[in-house]
Amino acid sequence: MHKIRSQYSILEKYTYLNTANHGLISQELIDYRINEMEKMRDQASLYTNNRNDFIDEVRTAIAQFVDATIENTAVIPNFSTGFNTLIEGIDKLSTFLLLDGDYPSVNWPVETRGFNCVYASINENLESNILEACKLHQPDFFCFSVVQYISGIKIDLDFVKQLKNQFPNLIIIGDLTQYVGTERFLFRESGLDIILASCYKWLNAGDGNAFICVKEHVKEFIKPNRIGYRSTKNVINAIPEFIGRFEPGHQDMIAFGSLKLALEVALKIGLDKIQTELQHWSEIAKAEFESRDLLDEAVVKRKQHSTIFNIKGSHDLYNKLLDHGVVTSLRGNGIRVSFSYFNDDKDLARLLEVLDL
């Protein structure tokens, strides 16, 4: 991974353990953006006239990356924009199952629209809590983050598949923002019906790019109402397709080109290799934190975990870490640290060294 680290100049200055907050920008991505900006400067509309074809290429790359159908994949500027568009098209009498304490951009849009909301607790028994809530409340929709942004607790995707089999009429919507790019994922084989993700974190794609993929059968139950010129792919008097409702205006070619490049980089490294590397960090970091009594009991009791950890500590510890060049985030009641595939043994050693001071 040394060659990969050389792409990120920040790693020469800091111990960066904050991908859960924001991924890094590689030199390759910087070079790409500069080149595309120069094209836009020199060619203007001669460049942007290719927008539709280019966005189709990006959509195709996304669909192949997550194993979705191209016609049911849309590019969106961020998770929240796509998710709000999605749920605006849902019957207001629907019941939603949410996770208590999930990412605000998942829960708030649902809660503020007046849907009937029921909840499952995020703890060591997450999957059992969800199953019991489904049995008790029979919700129409279940929305959740695959990886929790505060604790790093990761839902068992095999459980999600079983849940879908047990409740086939339940529409399951997953936020993949803290997940996509960390391992191989096959949407069509999963129990999820709809996935959305911003890609500036684990894909290191920069800001302004995200995606949504849906399965064909959900279109019967969701009627998004946003519309714009590109919703019909510039075909005058055409009836807007379902997925076109998520692309009502012109798309940022450079932002989505950055996503396309990021997907190519991840595939070049190898998703299996990335998954193996992250599994390594999940196991050894958890063991080190657990030995220091820095983790919540719910995380300790989980068999599998992501590479996001919330360790016990105050604002003073956060500042101490930063003073020693260790970049983290204050989240919840502690300090969130997150390991990506570009991190190495020195990064963990540096973190532990400062924690032990």
Foldseek 3Di string as FASTA:
>chain_A
DVVVLVQAPLVVQFLEFALLPFFTAGVVLVVLLVVVVVCCVVPPVPSCVCQLVLQLVLLVLVCVQAVFDSVQKAKFQFQLLLVLLFCVQFPQAFEEEEEVPADCSFPVSNVVSNHHYDYFYDFLCRLVSVVVCCVVPVGQEYEGEQAGSAAQAGDDQVSLLVVCVVNVRYAYEYECAVPPLQARHHVVSTSHFKYKYFCRRQLVLDGRIIMMGGDPVCVVRGDRDAAACCQQPNDPPDDGDPNSSNVHDGGDSSSSVSVSVSSVVSVVCNRVNQNVLFQVLQVVVLVVLVVVVFADPRVVSHPDGGQKHFGADDPVLQVLSVVLRHHWDDDDRGIIGGDGSSRDPVSSVSVVVSVVD
